[in-house]
């Protein structure tokens, strides 16, 4: 019997988009054997890889049939699916990144898993350079507009931590920055009265899984008088570039926020 240094998992199922995007960026897409239905980055992934999961659930039968040696998922929301896969004797890795710093850590961690540490560190360094440029530009702003970011409409849920941090890096001030630190969605619930009292200058909305409805938003009690509504500064952010805790948020998501918050 002979042994060799392991080169990492060779058959990976990605239950969310960000590990797929990271592996493609590292040139290790050949290891991916299954992806999430919500994967849009990179676009070729949907053409090359079978879809085996949604976000909260997935086909255990399809995943098992792919004979993965690692399944990568995200957050407590996928805990039940992870439990079922573990019961099938699969190796499951669930990340729970909530901040920009943790997103960068996941990128380098996945790089180590697939024997691409140097490449992953270089990738992360590139993202850090972009974040630092945005922060430097924001530091020279003459004012920082008050921002309300809405992640869901009923109940109203405000920005998760990495989104809040990106808003600040882009030059805004998240009116619910303290609440953004809550790891559970219910910790980030807000009321219409709280939003009205916060009087945001800019509103960003990204409703995960469905399009934003501007008319319904404006029709809420007191919302027609929000400074953001009166100034026409209510923006829908594509969920694919802001609500996935991976490279997309650090690049296209941040760039969208920067453009939208540009001083008039």
C-alpha atoms as a PDB file:
ATOM      1  CA  UNK A   1       0.000   0.000   0.000  1.00  0.00           C
ATOM      2  CA  UNK A   2       1.280   3.473  -0.915  1.00  0.00           C
ATOM      3  CA  UNK A   3       0.125   6.928   0.129  1.00  0.00           C
ATOM      4  CA  UNK A   4       0.279  10.410  -1.372  1.00  0.00           C
ATOM      5  CA  UNK A   5      -0.402  13.885  -0.042  1.00  0.00           C
ATOM      6  CA  UNK A   6      -4.133  14.581  -0.627  1.00  0.00           C
ATOM      7  CA  UNK A   7      -4.966  17.175  -3.271  1.00  0.00           C
ATOM      8  CA  UNK A   8      -8.337  17.993  -1.740  1.00  0.00           C
ATOM      9  CA  UNK A   9     -11.892  16.895  -2.555  1.00  0.00           C
ATOM     10  CA  UNK A  10     -12.386  15.928  -6.180  1.00  0.00           C
ATOM     11  CA  UNK A  11     -16.202  15.852  -6.352  1.00  0.00           C
ATOM     12  CA  UNK A  12     -17.827  18.886  -4.715  1.00  0.00           C
ATOM     13  CA  UNK A  13     -21.504  19.800  -4.510  1.00  0.00           C
ATOM     14  CA  UNK A  14     -22.114  23.517  -3.884  1.00  0.00           C
ATOM     15  CA  UNK A  15     -25.449  24.241  -2.205  1.00  0.00           C
ATOM     16  CA  UNK A  16     -25.087  28.007  -2.743  1.00  0.00           C
ATOM     17  CA  UNK A  17     -23.541  30.200  -5.400  1.00  0.00           C
ATOM     18  CA  UNK A  18     -20.478  31.575  -3.627  1.00  0.00           C
ATOM     19  CA  UNK A  19     -18.382  28.356  -3.406  1.00  0.00           C
ATOM     20  CA  UNK A  20     -19.146  27.771  -7.085  1.00  0.00           C
ATOM     21  CA  UNK A  21     -17.961  31.260  -7.999  1.00  0.00           C
ATOM     22  CA  UNK A  22     -14.846  30.884  -5.848  1.00  0.00           C
ATOM     23  CA  UNK A  23     -13.903  27.523  -7.364  1.00  0.00           C
ATOM     24  CA  UNK A  24     -14.349  28.862 -10.895  1.00  0.00           C
ATOM     25  CA  UNK A  25     -12.213  31.890 -10.022  1.00  0.00           C
ATOM     26  CA  UNK A  26      -9.499  29.517  -8.803  1.00  0.00           C
ATOM     27  CA  UNK A  27      -9.694  27.444 -11.995  1.00  0.00           C
ATOM     28  CA  UNK A  28     -10.971  24.443 -10.041  1.00  0.00           C
ATOM     29  CA  UNK A  29     -14.439  24.151 -11.592  1.00  0.00           C
ATOM     30  CA  UNK A  30     -13.714  20.581 -12.708  1.00  0.00           C
ATOM     31  CA  UNK A  31     -14.145  19.535  -9.080  1.00  0.00           C
ATOM     32  CA  UNK A  32     -17.767  20.775  -9.009  1.00  0.00           C
ATOM     33  CA  UNK A  33     -20.373  18.087  -9.707  1.00  0.00           C
ATOM     34  CA  UNK A  34     -23.558  19.848  -8.560  1.00  0.00           C
ATOM     35  CA  UNK A  35     -24.803  23.402  -7.937  1.00  0.00           C
ATOM     36  CA  UNK A  36     -27.695  25.456  -6.559  1.00  0.00           C
ATOM     37  CA  UNK A  37     -30.631  26.613  -8.683  1.00  0.00           C
ATOM     38  CA  UNK A  38     -29.830  30.168  -7.566  1.00  0.00           C
ATOM     39  CA  UNK A  39     -26.401  30.104  -9.200  1.00  0.00           C
ATOM     40  CA  UNK A  40     -25.976  32.825 -11.816  1.00  0.00           C
ATOM     41  CA  UNK A  41     -22.236  33.489 -11.464  1.00  0.00           C
ATOM     42  CA  UNK A  42     -20.397  32.505 -13.450  1.00  0.00           C
ATOM     43  CA  UNK A  43     -23.100  32.041 -16.124  1.00  0.00           C
ATOM     44  CA  UNK A  44     -21.405  28.993 -17.623  1.00  0.00           C
ATOM     45  CA  UNK A  45     -21.917  27.063 -14.386  1.00  0.00           C
ATOM     46  CA  UNK A  46     -25.609  26.538 -15.164  1.00  0.00           C
ATOM     47  CA  UNK A  47     -24.668  25.094 -18.534  1.00  0.00           C
ATOM     48  CA  UNK A  48     -21.878  22.875 -17.234  1.00  0.00           C
ATOM     49  CA  UNK A  49     -23.185  21.571 -13.900  1.00  0.00           C
ATOM     50  CA  UNK A  50     -26.377  19.784 -12.782  1.00  0.00           C
ATOM     51  CA  UNK A  51     -28.703  21.654 -10.413  1.00  0.00           C
ATOM     52  CA  UNK A  52     -29.362  19.668  -7.248  1.00  0.00           C
ATOM     53  CA  UNK A  53     -30.628  22.176  -4.683  1.00  0.00           C
ATOM     54  CA  UNK A  54     -32.541  25.355  -4.017  1.00  0.00           C
ATOM     55  CA  UNK A  55     -31.546  27.357  -0.981  1.00  0.00           C
ATOM     56  CA  UNK A  56     -33.331  25.835   1.977  1.00  0.00           C
ATOM     57  CA  UNK A  57     -33.721  22.398   0.440  1.00  0.00           C
ATOM     58  CA  UNK A  58     -32.430  20.061  -2.199  1.00  0.00           C
ATOM     59  CA  UNK A  59     -32.671  16.589  -3.659  1.00  0.00           C
ATOM     60  CA  UNK A  60     -30.817  14.274  -1.314  1.00  0.00           C
ATOM     61  CA  UNK A  61     -31.240  11.490  -3.878  1.00  0.00           C
ATOM     62  CA  UNK A  62     -29.620  13.534  -6.665  1.00  0.00           C
ATOM     63  CA  UNK A  63     -26.788  14.687  -4.426  1.00  0.00           C
ATOM     64  CA  UNK A  64     -26.005  11.173  -3.196  1.00  0.00           C
ATOM     65  CA  UNK A  65     -26.058   9.882  -6.791  1.00  0.00           C
ATOM     66  CA  UNK A  66     -23.282  12.325  -7.680  1.00  0.00           C
ATOM     67  CA  UNK A  67     -20.982  10.584  -5.157  1.00  0.00           C
ATOM     68  CA  UNK A  68     -19.523  13.835  -3.764  1.00  0.00           C
ATOM     69  CA  UNK A  69     -16.589  13.695  -1.388  1.00  0.00           C
ATOM     70  CA  UNK A  70     -17.576  17.136  -0.056  1.00  0.00           C
ATOM     71  CA  UNK A  71     -20.795  19.164   0.094  1.00  0.00           C
ATOM     72  CA  UNK A  72     -20.429  22.896   0.812  1.00  0.00           C
ATOM     73  CA  UNK A  73     -23.348  24.925   2.143  1.00  0.00           C
ATOM     74  CA  UNK A  74     -24.174  28.150   3.940  1.00  0.00           C
ATOM     75  CA  UNK A  75     -25.811  29.088   7.233  1.00  0.00           C
ATOM     76  CA  UNK A  76     -28.279  27.610   9.676  1.00  0.00           C
ATOM     77  CA  UNK A  77     -30.982  27.843   6.992  1.00  0.00           C
ATOM     78  CA  UNK A  78     -29.447  24.763   5.352  1.00  0.00           C
ATOM     79  CA  UNK A  79     -29.085  22.871   8.633  1.00  0.00           C
ATOM     80  CA  UNK A  80     -31.904  20.416   7.893  1.00  0.00           C
ATOM     81  CA  UNK A  81     -30.560  19.565   4.438  1.00  0.00           C
ATOM     82  CA  UNK A  82     -27.061  19.188   5.901  1.00  0.00           C
ATOM     83  CA  UNK A  83     -28.433  16.803   8.532  1.00  0.00           C
ATOM     84  CA  UNK A  84     -30.012  14.607   5.851  1.00  0.00           C
ATOM     85  CA  UNK A  85     -26.808  14.510   3.833  1.00  0.00           C
ATOM     86  CA  UNK A  86     -24.724  13.638   6.882  1.00  0.00           C
ATOM     87  CA  UNK A  87     -27.159  10.795   7.554  1.00  0.00           C
ATOM     88  CA  UNK A  88     -26.210   9.535   4.074  1.00  0.00           C
ATOM     89  CA  UNK A  89     -22.571   9.421   5.222  1.00  0.00           C
ATOM     90  CA  UNK A  90     -21.523  12.429   3.160  1.00  0.00           C
ATOM     91  CA  UNK A  91     -18.942  14.970   4.284  1.00  0.00           C
ATOM     92  CA  UNK A  92     -20.673  18.326   4.711  1.00  0.00           C
ATOM     93  CA  UNK A  93     -19.065  21.713   5.332  1.00  0.00           C
ATOM     94  CA  UNK A  94     -21.409  24.557   6.324  1.00  0.00           C
ATOM     95  CA  UNK A  95     -19.995  28.067   6.431  1.00  0.00           C
ATOM     96  CA  UNK A  96     -21.767  30.857   8.275  1.00  0.00           C
ATOM     97  CA  UNK A  97     -19.966  33.959   7.042  1.00  0.00           C
ATOM     98  CA  UNK A  98     -21.710  37.177   7.986  1.00  0.00           C
ATOM     99  CA  UNK A  99     -19.084  39.911   7.553  1.00  0.00           C
ATOM    100  CA  UNK A 100     -16.746  41.043   4.785  1.00  0.00           C
ATOM    101  CA  UNK A 101     -13.827  39.723   6.802  1.00  0.00           C
ATOM    102  CA  UNK A 102     -15.499  36.307   7.063  1.00  0.00           C
ATOM    103  CA  UNK A 103     -16.254  36.254   3.322  1.00  0.00           C
ATOM    104  CA  UNK A 104     -12.541  36.766   2.639  1.00  0.00           C
ATOM    105  CA  UNK A 105     -11.717  33.984   5.112  1.00  0.00           C
ATOM    106  CA  UNK A 106     -14.033  31.573   3.274  1.00  0.00           C
ATOM    107  CA  UNK A 107     -12.287  32.365  -0.019  1.00  0.00           C
ATOM    108  CA  UNK A 108      -8.861  31.500   1.394  1.00  0.00           C
ATOM    109  CA  UNK A 109     -10.249  28.475   3.240  1.00  0.00           C
ATOM    110  CA  UNK A 110     -11.749  27.004   0.072  1.00  0.00           C
ATOM    111  CA  UNK A 111      -8.427  27.674  -1.638  1.00  0.00           C
ATOM    112  CA  UNK A 112      -6.665  25.552   0.976  1.00  0.00           C
ATOM    113  CA  UNK A 113      -9.249  22.788   0.563  1.00  0.00           C
ATOM    114  CA  UNK A 114      -8.456  22.426  -3.138  1.00  0.00           C
ATOM    115  CA  UNK A 115      -4.687  22.921  -2.846  1.00  0.00           C
ATOM    116  CA  UNK A 116      -4.798  26.466  -4.248  1.00  0.00           C
ATOM    117  CA  UNK A 117      -3.760  28.493  -1.211  1.00  0.00           C
ATOM    118  CA  UNK A 118      -1.513  30.928  -3.062  1.00  0.00           C
ATOM    119  CA  UNK A 119      -4.101  31.584  -5.754  1.00  0.00           C
ATOM    120  CA  UNK A 120      -6.856  32.102  -3.176  1.00  0.00           C
ATOM    121  CA  UNK A 121      -4.728  34.523  -1.190  1.00  0.00           C
ATOM    122  CA  UNK A 122      -3.997  36.481  -4.368  1.00  0.00           C
ATOM    123  CA  UNK A 123      -7.707  36.510  -5.186  1.00  0.00           C
ATOM    124  CA  UNK A 124      -8.564  37.792  -1.715  1.00  0.00           C
ATOM    125  CA  UNK A 125      -5.815  40.408  -1.935  1.00  0.00           C
ATOM    126  CA  UNK A 126      -7.375  41.733  -5.131  1.00  0.00           C
ATOM    127  CA  UNK A 127     -10.754  42.070  -3.435  1.00  0.00           C
ATOM    128  CA  UNK A 128      -9.145  43.777  -0.432  1.00  0.00           C
ATOM    129  CA  UNK A 129      -7.509  46.320  -2.739  1.00  0.00           C
ATOM    130  CA  UNK A 130     -10.917  47.154  -4.204  1.00  0.00           C
ATOM    131  CA  UNK A 131     -12.466  47.489  -0.748  1.00  0.00           C
ATOM    132  CA  UNK A 132      -9.653  49.792   0.366  1.00  0.00           C
ATOM    133  CA  UNK A 133     -10.045  51.983  -2.725  1.00  0.00           C
ATOM    134  CA  UNK A 134     -13.747  52.352  -2.030  1.00  0.00           C
ATOM    135  CA  UNK A 135     -13.068  53.225   1.626  1.00  0.00           C
ATOM    136  CA  UNK A 136     -10.471  55.829   0.634  1.00  0.00           C
ATOM    137  CA  UNK A 137     -12.866  57.454  -1.832  1.00  0.00           C
ATOM    138  CA  UNK A 138     -15.674  57.457   0.725  1.00  0.00           C
ATOM    139  CA  UNK A 139     -13.429  59.207   3.240  1.00  0.00           C
ATOM    140  CA  UNK A 140     -13.345  62.256   0.954  1.00  0.00           C
ATOM    141  CA  UNK A 141     -17.111  62.587   0.599  1.00  0.00           C
ATOM    142  CA  UNK A 142     -18.643  65.894   1.644  1.00  0.00           C
ATOM    143  CA  UNK A 143     -21.565  64.041   3.214  1.00  0.00           C
ATOM    144  CA  UNK A 144     -22.581  60.453   3.893  1.00  0.00           C
ATOM    145  CA  UNK A 145     -26.260  59.844   3.088  1.00  0.00           C
ATOM    146  CA  UNK A 146     -28.426  57.905   5.503  1.00  0.00           C
ATOM    147  CA  UNK A 147     -29.244  54.515   3.950  1.00  0.00           C
ATOM    148  CA  UNK A 148     -31.984  51.975   4.564  1.00  0.00           C
ATOM    149  CA  UNK A 149     -31.356  48.579   2.969  1.00  0.00           C
ATOM    150  CA  UNK A 150     -34.314  46.192   2.775  1.00  0.00           C
ATOM    151  CA  UNK A 151     -33.634  42.478   2.361  1.00  0.00           C
ATOM    152  CA  UNK A 152     -37.259  41.333   2.642  1.00  0.00           C
ATOM    153  CA  UNK A 153     -40.651  43.032   2.701  1.00  0.00           C
ATOM    154  CA  UNK A 154     -42.938  40.973   4.968  1.00  0.00           C
ATOM    155  CA  UNK A 155     -41.699  40.939   7.627  1.00  0.00           C
ATOM    156  CA  UNK A 156     -39.427  43.860   6.855  1.00  0.00           C
ATOM    157  CA  UNK A 157     -35.819  42.710   7.250  1.00  0.00           C
ATOM    158  CA  UNK A 158     -32.886  45.078   7.019  1.00  0.00           C
ATOM    159  CA  UNK A 159     -29.324  44.476   5.818  1.00  0.00           C
ATOM    160  CA  UNK A 160     -27.183  41.583   6.969  1.00  0.00           C
ATOM    161  CA  UNK A 161     -23.723  42.486   8.277  1.00  0.00           C
ATOM    162  CA  UNK A 162     -21.683  42.241   5.068  1.00  0.00           C
ATOM    163  CA  UNK A 163     -24.249  44.383   3.215  1.00  0.00           C
ATOM    164  CA  UNK A 164     -24.167  46.974   5.988  1.00  0.00           C
ATOM    165  CA  UNK A 165     -20.372  47.062   5.803  1.00  0.00           C
ATOM    166  CA  UNK A 166     -20.462  47.491   2.024  1.00  0.00           C
ATOM    167  CA  UNK A 167     -22.912  50.382   2.375  1.00  0.00           C
ATOM    168  CA  UNK A 168     -20.437  52.089   4.708  1.00  0.00           C
ATOM    169  CA  UNK A 169     -17.503  51.380   2.373  1.00  0.00           C
ATOM    170  CA  UNK A 170     -19.498  52.856  -0.516  1.00  0.00           C
ATOM    171  CA  UNK A 171     -19.955  56.113   1.360  1.00  0.00           C
ATOM    172  CA  UNK A 172     -23.311  55.699   3.085  1.00  0.00           C
ATOM    173  CA  UNK A 173     -24.447  55.374   6.695  1.00  0.00           C
ATOM    174  CA  UNK A 174     -26.672  52.404   7.395  1.00  0.00           C
ATOM    175  CA  UNK A 175     -29.483  53.631   9.646  1.00  0.00           C
ATOM    176  CA  UNK A 176     -29.761  50.159  11.195  1.00  0.00           C
ATOM    177  CA  UNK A 177     -26.072  49.308  11.442  1.00  0.00           C
ATOM    178  CA  UNK A 178     -26.385  47.942  14.980  1.00  0.00           C
ATOM    179  CA  UNK A 179     -29.169  45.577  13.959  1.00  0.00           C
ATOM    180  CA  UNK A 180     -27.107  44.312  11.023  1.00  0.00           C
ATOM    181  CA  UNK A 181     -24.915  42.408  13.446  1.00  0.00           C
ATOM    182  CA  UNK A 182     -27.756  40.022  14.236  1.00  0.00           C
ATOM    183  CA  UNK A 183     -26.986  36.583  12.848  1.00  0.00           C
ATOM    184  CA  UNK A 184     -30.626  35.487  12.718  1.00  0.00           C
ATOM    185  CA  UNK A 185     -33.122  37.109  10.353  1.00  0.00           C
ATOM    186  CA  UNK A 186     -35.527  37.899  13.202  1.00  0.00           C
ATOM    187  CA  UNK A 187     -32.809  39.987  14.837  1.00  0.00           C
ATOM    188  CA  UNK A 188     -32.934  42.271  11.816  1.00  0.00           C
ATOM    189  CA  UNK A 189     -36.687  42.841  11.694  1.00  0.00           C
ATOM    190  CA  UNK A 190     -37.712  46.518  11.454  1.00  0.00           C
ATOM    191  CA  UNK A 191     -41.051  48.282  11.440  1.00  0.00           C
ATOM    192  CA  UNK A 192     -42.447  50.868   9.042  1.00  0.00           C
ATOM    193  CA  UNK A 193     -42.446  53.397  11.864  1.00  0.00           C
ATOM    194  CA  UNK A 194     -38.763  52.787  12.562  1.00  0.00           C
ATOM    195  CA  UNK A 195     -37.877  53.323   8.905  1.00  0.00           C
ATOM    196  CA  UNK A 196     -40.002  56.466   8.721  1.00  0.00           C
ATOM    197  CA  UNK A 197     -38.355  57.834  11.863  1.00  0.00           C
ATOM    198  CA  UNK A 198     -34.885  57.043  10.466  1.00  0.00           C
ATOM    199  CA  UNK A 199     -35.691  59.238   7.421  1.00  0.00           C
ATOM    200  CA  UNK A 200     -33.211  57.606   5.004  1.00  0.00           C
ATOM    201  CA  UNK A 201     -31.809  59.696   2.153  1.00  0.00           C
ATOM    202  CA  UNK A 202     -31.310  56.573   0.037  1.00  0.00           C
ATOM    203  CA  UNK A 203     -33.109  53.228  -0.020  1.00  0.00           C
ATOM    204  CA  UNK A 204     -31.717  50.005  -1.441  1.00  0.00           C
ATOM    205  CA  UNK A 205     -33.986  47.004  -1.818  1.00  0.00           C
ATOM    206  CA  UNK A 206     -33.042  43.460  -2.709  1.00  0.00           C
ATOM    207  CA  UNK A 207     -35.803  40.980  -2.008  1.00  0.00           C
ATOM    208  CA  UNK A 208     -34.260  37.525  -2.164  1.00  0.00           C
ATOM    209  CA  UNK A 209     -36.135  35.383  -4.678  1.00  0.00           C
ATOM    210  CA  UNK A 210     -38.623  37.958  -5.981  1.00  0.00           C
ATOM    211  CA  UNK A 211     -38.582  41.380  -7.669  1.00  0.00           C
ATOM    212  CA  UNK A 212     -38.853  44.588  -5.667  1.00  0.00           C
ATOM    213  CA  UNK A 213     -42.214  46.370  -5.945  1.00  0.00           C
ATOM    214  CA  UNK A 214     -41.624  50.160  -5.811  1.00  0.00           C
ATOM    215  CA  UNK A 215     -45.321  51.077  -5.752  1.00  0.00           C
ATOM    216  CA  UNK A 216     -46.014  48.772  -2.810  1.00  0.00           C
ATOM    217  CA  UNK A 217     -42.994  50.183  -1.017  1.00  0.00           C
ATOM    218  CA  UNK A 218     -44.120  53.795  -1.457  1.00  0.00           C
ATOM    219  CA  UNK A 219     -47.655  52.878  -0.338  1.00  0.00           C
ATOM    220  CA  UNK A 220     -46.564  51.915   3.171  1.00  0.00           C
ATOM    221  CA  UNK A 221     -47.666  54.322   5.911  1.00  0.00           C
ATOM    222  CA  UNK A 222     -45.357  57.333   5.962  1.00  0.00           C
ATOM    223  CA  UNK A 223     -43.089  56.101   3.173  1.00  0.00           C
ATOM    224  CA  UNK A 224     -44.241  58.622   0.566  1.00  0.00           C
ATOM    225  CA  UNK A 225     -42.606  61.276   2.745  1.00  0.00           C
ATOM    226  CA  UNK A 226     -39.253  59.520   3.113  1.00  0.00           C
ATOM    227  CA  UNK A 227     -36.444  61.777   1.840  1.00  0.00           C
ATOM    228  CA  UNK A 228     -35.274  58.901  -0.388  1.00  0.00           C
ATOM    229  CA  UNK A 229     -38.717  58.503  -1.981  1.00  0.00           C
ATOM    230  CA  UNK A 230     -39.213  62.237  -2.473  1.00  0.00           C
ATOM    231  CA  UNK A 231     -35.779  62.523  -4.104  1.00  0.00           C
ATOM    232  CA  UNK A 232     -36.280  59.454  -6.300  1.00  0.00           C
ATOM    233  CA  UNK A 233     -33.357  57.658  -4.681  1.00  0.00           C
ATOM    234  CA  UNK A 234     -34.877  54.205  -4.205  1.00  0.00           C
ATOM    235  CA  UNK A 235     -32.803  51.535  -5.949  1.00  0.00           C
ATOM    236  CA  UNK A 236     -33.311  47.827  -6.509  1.00  0.00           C
ATOM    237  CA  UNK A 237     -30.066  45.863  -6.187  1.00  0.00           C
ATOM    238  CA  UNK A 238     -29.942  42.492  -7.973  1.00  0.00           C
ATOM    239  CA  UNK A 239     -29.881  39.821  -5.276  1.00  0.00           C
ATOM    240  CA  UNK A 240     -27.221  37.897  -7.187  1.00  0.00           C
ATOM    241  CA  UNK A 241     -24.654  40.656  -6.593  1.00  0.00           C
ATOM    242  CA  UNK A 242     -25.402  41.603  -3.002  1.00  0.00           C
ATOM    243  CA  UNK A 243     -27.092  38.800  -1.037  1.00  0.00           C
ATOM    244  CA  UNK A 244     -24.594  36.055  -1.870  1.00  0.00           C
ATOM    245  CA  UNK A 245     -21.710  36.219   0.664  1.00  0.00           C
ATOM    246  CA  UNK A 246     -18.963  35.745  -1.886  1.00  0.00           C
ATOM    247  CA  UNK A 247     -16.953  37.523  -4.599  1.00  0.00           C
ATOM    248  CA  UNK A 248     -20.002  39.074  -6.301  1.00  0.00           C
ATOM    249  CA  UNK A 249     -20.849  41.200  -3.258  1.00  0.00           C
ATOM    250  CA  UNK A 250     -17.256  42.421  -2.912  1.00  0.00           C
ATOM    251  CA  UNK A 251     -17.047  43.480  -6.559  1.00  0.00           C
ATOM    252  CA  UNK A 252     -20.257  44.114  -8.515  1.00  0.00           C
ATOM    253  CA  UNK A 253     -22.356  44.620  -5.395  1.00  0.00           C
ATOM    254  CA  UNK A 254     -20.001  47.233  -3.970  1.00  0.00           C
ATOM    255  CA  UNK A 255     -19.697  48.932  -7.364  1.00  0.00           C
ATOM    256  CA  UNK A 256     -23.502  49.196  -7.627  1.00  0.00           C
ATOM    257  CA  UNK A 257     -23.690  50.840  -4.191  1.00  0.00           C
ATOM    258  CA  UNK A 258     -20.865  53.243  -5.029  1.00  0.00           C
ATOM    259  CA  UNK A 259     -22.562  54.357  -8.283  1.00  0.00           C
ATOM    260  CA  UNK A 260     -25.911  54.807  -6.572  1.00  0.00           C
ATOM    261  CA  UNK A 261     -24.448  56.794  -3.689  1.00  0.00           C
ATOM    262  CA  UNK A 262     -22.367  59.041  -5.924  1.00  0.00           C
ATOM    263  CA  UNK A 263     -22.633  62.665  -4.845  1.00  0.00           C
ATOM    264  CA  UNK A 264     -24.913  64.763  -7.019  1.00  0.00           C
END
